[in-house]
C-alpha atoms as a PDB file:
ATOM      1  CA  MET A   1     136.526  43.566  77.186  1.00  0.00           C
ATOM      2  CA  ASP A   2     138.611  44.834  80.110  1.00  0.00           C
ATOM      3  CA  GLU A   3     137.690  45.365  83.758  1.00  0.00           C
ATOM      4  CA  HIS A   4     137.071  49.085  83.329  1.00  0.00           C
ATOM      5  CA  GLU A   5     134.553  48.590  80.508  1.00  0.00           C
ATOM      6  CA  ILE A   6     132.773  45.764  82.337  1.00  0.00           C
ATOM      7  CA  ARG A   7     132.611  47.882  85.516  1.00  0.00           C
ATOM      8  CA  LYS A   8     130.956  50.742  83.598  1.00  0.00           C
ATOM      9  CA  ILE A   9     128.345  48.362  82.147  1.00  0.00           C
ATOM     10  CA  ALA A  10     127.731  46.600  85.480  1.00  0.00           C
ATOM     11  CA  THR A  11     127.421  49.908  87.351  1.00  0.00           C
ATOM     12  CA  ARG A  12     124.925  51.233  84.825  1.00  0.00           C
ATOM     13  CA  PHE A  13     122.941  47.997  85.084  1.00  0.00           C
ATOM     14  CA  ARG A  14     122.895  48.252  88.889  1.00  0.00           C
ATOM     15  CA  GLU A  15     121.773  51.896  88.690  1.00  0.00           C
ATOM     16  CA  ALA A  16     118.992  50.900  86.291  1.00  0.00           C
ATOM     17  CA  ILE A  17     117.717  48.256  88.716  1.00  0.00           C
ATOM     18  CA  GLU A  18     117.688  50.870  91.488  1.00  0.00           C
ATOM     19  CA  LYS A  19     115.558  53.159  89.272  1.00  0.00           C
ATOM     20  CA  CYS A  20     113.172  50.454  88.002  1.00  0.00           C
ATOM     21  CA  ASN A  21     109.491  50.276  88.747  1.00  0.00           C
ATOM     22  CA  LEU A  22     109.390  46.744  90.106  1.00  0.00           C
ATOM     23  CA  THR A  23     105.945  46.939  91.696  1.00  0.00           C
ATOM     24  CA  SER A  24     103.652  43.942  91.277  1.00  0.00           C
ATOM     25  CA  GLY A  25     101.273  45.982  89.115  1.00  0.00           C
ATOM     26  CA  HIS A  26     104.105  46.822  86.729  1.00  0.00           C
ATOM     27  CA  VAL A  27     106.216  43.648  86.418  1.00  0.00           C
ATOM     28  CA  GLY A  28     103.936  41.046  88.018  1.00  0.00           C
ATOM     29  CA  GLN A  29     103.639  39.525  91.467  1.00  0.00           C
ATOM     30  CA  GLU A  30     106.381  36.911  91.030  1.00  0.00           C
ATOM     31  CA  ALA A  31     108.921  39.479  89.803  1.00  0.00           C
ATOM     32  CA  PHE A  32     107.970  41.899  92.582  1.00  0.00           C
ATOM     33  CA  SER A  33     108.221  39.260  95.307  1.00  0.00           C
ATOM     34  CA  ARG A  34     111.675  38.185  94.125  1.00  0.00           C
ATOM     35  CA  MET A  35     113.093  41.707  93.715  1.00  0.00           C
ATOM     36  CA  LYS A  36     111.362  43.719  96.464  1.00  0.00           C
ATOM     37  CA  ASN A  37     114.353  43.554  98.834  1.00  0.00           C
ATOM     38  CA  PHE A  38     117.038  44.374  96.241  1.00  0.00           C
ATOM     39  CA  PRO A  39     119.964  43.919  96.676  1.00  0.00           C
ATOM     40  CA  HIS A  40     119.214  41.594  99.614  1.00  0.00           C
ATOM     41  CA  CYS A  41     118.341  38.014  98.659  1.00  0.00           C
ATOM     42  CA  THR A  42     118.286  38.813  94.925  1.00  0.00           C
ATOM     43  CA  CYS A  43     121.782  37.780  93.858  1.00  0.00           C
ATOM     44  CA  ASN A  44     120.699  34.722  91.858  1.00  0.00           C
ATOM     45  CA  GLU A  45     118.005  36.643  89.979  1.00  0.00           C
ATOM     46  CA  VAL A  46     120.297  39.615  89.380  1.00  0.00           C
ATOM     47  CA  SER A  47     123.151  37.384  88.188  1.00  0.00           C
ATOM     48  CA  THR A  48     120.792  35.859  85.635  1.00  0.00           C
ATOM     49  CA  LEU A  49     119.535  39.289  84.539  1.00  0.00           C
ATOM     50  CA  LEU A  50     123.034  40.742  84.211  1.00  0.00           C
ATOM     51  CA  GLY A  51     124.203  37.589  82.431  1.00  0.00           C
ATOM     52  CA  LEU A  52     121.394  37.908  79.892  1.00  0.00           C
ATOM     53  CA  TYR A  53     122.320  41.540  79.356  1.00  0.00           C
ATOM     54  CA  LEU A  54     126.046  40.873  78.906  1.00  0.00           C
ATOM     55  CA  VAL A  55     125.486  37.951  76.548  1.00  0.00           C
ATOM     56  CA  HIS A  56     122.820  39.584  74.391  1.00  0.00           C
ATOM     57  CA  LYS A  57     123.993  43.211  74.354  1.00  0.00           C
ATOM     58  CA  TYR A  58     127.759  42.720  74.500  1.00  0.00           C
ATOM     59  CA  ASN A  59     128.255  39.209  73.065  1.00  0.00           C
ATOM     60  CA  PHE A  60     129.942  37.732  76.136  1.00  0.00           C
ATOM     61  CA  SER A  61     130.696  34.104  75.391  1.00  0.00           C
ATOM     62  CA  SER A  62     132.622  32.907  78.435  1.00  0.00           C
ATOM     63  CA  LEU A  63     130.287  33.919  81.243  1.00  0.00           C
ATOM     64  CA  ILE A  64     129.863  31.636  84.253  1.00  0.00           C
ATOM     65  CA  ASN A  65     127.337  31.953  87.087  1.00  0.00           C
ATOM     66  CA  TYR A  66     128.904  31.075  90.443  1.00  0.00           C
ATOM     67  CA  SER A  67     127.407  30.442  93.858  1.00  0.00           C
ATOM     68  CA  GLY A  68     129.080  30.068  97.223  1.00  0.00           C
ATOM     69  CA  GLN A  69     128.522  30.131 100.940  1.00  0.00           C
ATOM     70  CA  VAL A  70     129.373  33.412 102.652  1.00  0.00           C
ATOM     71  CA  GLU A  71     131.100  32.988 105.996  1.00  0.00           C
ATOM     72  CA  LEU A  72     132.461  35.479 108.508  1.00  0.00           C
ATOM     73  CA  GLY A  73     134.766  33.557 110.781  1.00  0.00           C
ATOM     74  CA  GLU A  74     132.721  30.551 111.865  1.00  0.00           C
ATOM     75  CA  LYS A  75     129.380  32.259 111.163  1.00  0.00           C
ATOM     76  CA  TRP A  76     127.472  31.291 108.003  1.00  0.00           C
ATOM     77  CA  LEU A  77     125.765  34.363 106.484  1.00  0.00           C
ATOM     78  CA  GLY A  78     124.013  32.744 103.530  1.00  0.00           C
ATOM     79  CA  THR A  79     124.510  31.781  99.929  1.00  0.00           C
ATOM     80  CA  HIS A  80     125.606  34.261  97.281  1.00  0.00           C
ATOM     81  CA  SER A  81     125.652  34.273  93.458  1.00  0.00           C
ATOM     82  CA  TRP A  82     127.770  36.294  91.044  1.00  0.00           C
ATOM     83  CA  LEU A  83     129.177  36.122  87.516  1.00  0.00           C
ATOM     84  CA  GLN A  84     132.661  35.513  86.263  1.00  0.00           C
ATOM     85  CA  SER A  85     134.124  36.182  82.816  1.00  0.00           C
ATOM     86  CA  GLY A  86     137.489  34.514  82.528  1.00  0.00           C
ATOM     87  CA  ASN A  87     139.274  35.605  85.697  1.00  0.00           C
ATOM     88  CA  ILE A  88     137.126  38.731  86.218  1.00  0.00           C
ATOM     89  CA  VAL A  89     134.570  38.623  89.052  1.00  0.00           C
ATOM     90  CA  ILE A  90     131.355  40.564  88.290  1.00  0.00           C
ATOM     91  CA  ASP A  91     129.107  41.086  91.312  1.00  0.00           C
ATOM     92  CA  ILE A  92     126.466  43.812  91.673  1.00  0.00           C
ATOM     93  CA  THR A  93     124.784  42.596  94.876  1.00  0.00           C
ATOM     94  CA  ALA A  94     127.709  41.940  97.236  1.00  0.00           C
ATOM     95  CA  ASP A  95     126.746  44.991  99.297  1.00  0.00           C
ATOM     96  CA  GLN A  96     124.026  42.938 100.964  1.00  0.00           C
ATOM     97  CA  PHE A  97     126.840  41.571 103.133  1.00  0.00           C
ATOM     98  CA  PRO A  98     128.534  43.758 105.769  1.00  0.00           C
ATOM     99  CA  MET A  99     132.073  42.913 104.663  1.00  0.00           C
ATOM    100  CA  ALA A 100     131.606  43.952 101.028  1.00  0.00           C
ATOM    101  CA  ASN A 101     132.890  47.465 100.606  1.00  0.00           C
ATOM    102  CA  CYS A 102     131.046  48.579  97.455  1.00  0.00           C
ATOM    103  CA  LYS A 103     127.865  48.079  95.421  1.00  0.00           C
ATOM    104  CA  VAL A 104     129.608  46.892  92.266  1.00  0.00           C
ATOM    105  CA  ILE A 105     132.609  44.574  92.256  1.00  0.00           C
ATOM    106  CA  VAL A 106     134.370  44.010  88.943  1.00  0.00           C
ATOM    107  CA  THR A 107     137.933  42.859  89.455  1.00  0.00           C
ATOM    108  CA  LYS A 108     140.423  40.044  89.037  1.00  0.00           C
ATOM    109  CA  GLU A 109     141.187  40.072  92.763  1.00  0.00           C
ATOM    110  CA  SER A 110     138.115  40.406  94.966  1.00  0.00           C
ATOM    111  CA  GLU A 111     138.905  40.412  98.671  1.00  0.00           C
ATOM    112  CA  PHE A 112     135.228  39.732  99.435  1.00  0.00           C
ATOM    113  CA  HIS A 113     135.072  36.642  97.214  1.00  0.00           C
ATOM    114  CA  LYS A 114     138.529  35.403  98.216  1.00  0.00           C
ATOM    115  CA  ASN A 115     138.132  35.804 101.975  1.00  0.00           C
ATOM    116  CA  TYR A 116     134.436  35.254 102.688  1.00  0.00           C
ATOM    117  CA  ILE A 117     133.022  32.893 100.073  1.00  0.00           C
ATOM    118  CA  LYS A 118     133.597  29.215 100.706  1.00  0.00           C
ATOM    119  CA  GLN A 119     132.485  26.062  98.868  1.00  0.00           C
ATOM    120  CA  GLN A 120     131.997  27.682  95.472  1.00  0.00           C
ATOM    121  CA  PHE A 121     129.792  26.023  92.877  1.00  0.00           C
ATOM    122  CA  ILE A 122     129.214  26.679  89.191  1.00  0.00           C
ATOM    123  CA  LEU A 123     125.522  27.129  88.439  1.00  0.00           C
ATOM    124  CA  THR A 124     124.210  25.831  85.134  1.00  0.00           C
ATOM    125  CA  GLU A 125     123.138  28.864  83.111  1.00  0.00           C
ATOM    126  CA  ASN A 126     123.276  29.451  79.387  1.00  0.00           C
ATOM    127  CA  PHE A 127     121.691  32.929  79.460  1.00  0.00           C
ATOM    128  CA  SER A 128     119.150  32.103  76.796  1.00  0.00           C
ATOM    129  CA  PHE A 129     115.869  34.023  76.810  1.00  0.00           C
ATOM    130  CA  GLU A 130     114.019  30.859  75.794  1.00  0.00           C
ATOM    131  CA  ASP A 131     115.012  29.179  79.060  1.00  0.00           C
ATOM    132  CA  GLN A 132     113.829  32.014  81.311  1.00  0.00           C
ATOM    133  CA  PRO A 133     110.491  32.287  83.134  1.00  0.00           C
ATOM    134  CA  ASP A 134     108.160  35.173  82.283  1.00  0.00           C
ATOM    135  CA  TRP A 135     108.937  37.059  85.486  1.00  0.00           C
ATOM    136  CA  ILE A 136     112.658  37.281  84.547  1.00  0.00           C
ATOM    137  CA  ILE A 137     111.705  38.596  81.101  1.00  0.00           C
ATOM    138  CA  ASN A 138     109.403  41.186  82.715  1.00  0.00           C
ATOM    139  CA  ILE A 139     112.213  42.482  84.935  1.00  0.00           C
ATOM    140  CA  TYR A 140     114.738  42.375  82.088  1.00  0.00           C
ATOM    141  CA  GLU A 141     112.479  44.458  79.864  1.00  0.00           C
ATOM    142  CA  GLU A 142     111.939  47.005  82.653  1.00  0.00           C
ATOM    143  CA  ILE A 143     115.716  47.302  83.261  1.00  0.00           C
ATOM    144  CA  ASN A 144     116.333  47.713  79.517  1.00  0.00           C
ATOM    145  CA  ALA A 145     113.711  50.456  79.325  1.00  0.00           C
ATOM    146  CA  VAL A 146     115.405  52.335  82.175  1.00  0.00           C
ATOM    147  CA  ILE A 147     118.883  51.906  80.642  1.00  0.00           C
ATOM    148  CA  TYR A 148     117.561  53.251  77.347  1.00  0.00           C
ATOM    149  CA  LYS A 149     116.388  56.432  79.141  1.00  0.00           C
ATOM    150  CA  MET A 150     119.652  56.912  81.092  1.00  0.00           C
END
């Protein structure tokens, strides 16, 4: 799958999250508390959710979950997570940082990731539903329901 196709899927997934009913009464307290500030402080959860979607709906086999420290000059801004398929960066929460210039980044050359993310780590993630907590499944099902209606 090429960058353009992945970008369309990732953008639709991001739009679905924005439209979701993620209230505690709908998806549970744990899911609500983790996603209430989307996209801020939700990159790990969203990377897992998007990874599940790409693996199970589009048969991605070479998907890696990355994490790194975001720095602006000498100032540490936090930790960030995103996905990578081969040499394609897939990030739908980078806009929580002031130097990211768009909501959805899908590219082989990401200025944001190249210039501002230091000390990158690969997170262990196999994107199996069996390994996910209930709150992730609740959010995933809500996102899927919204995508189905889009």
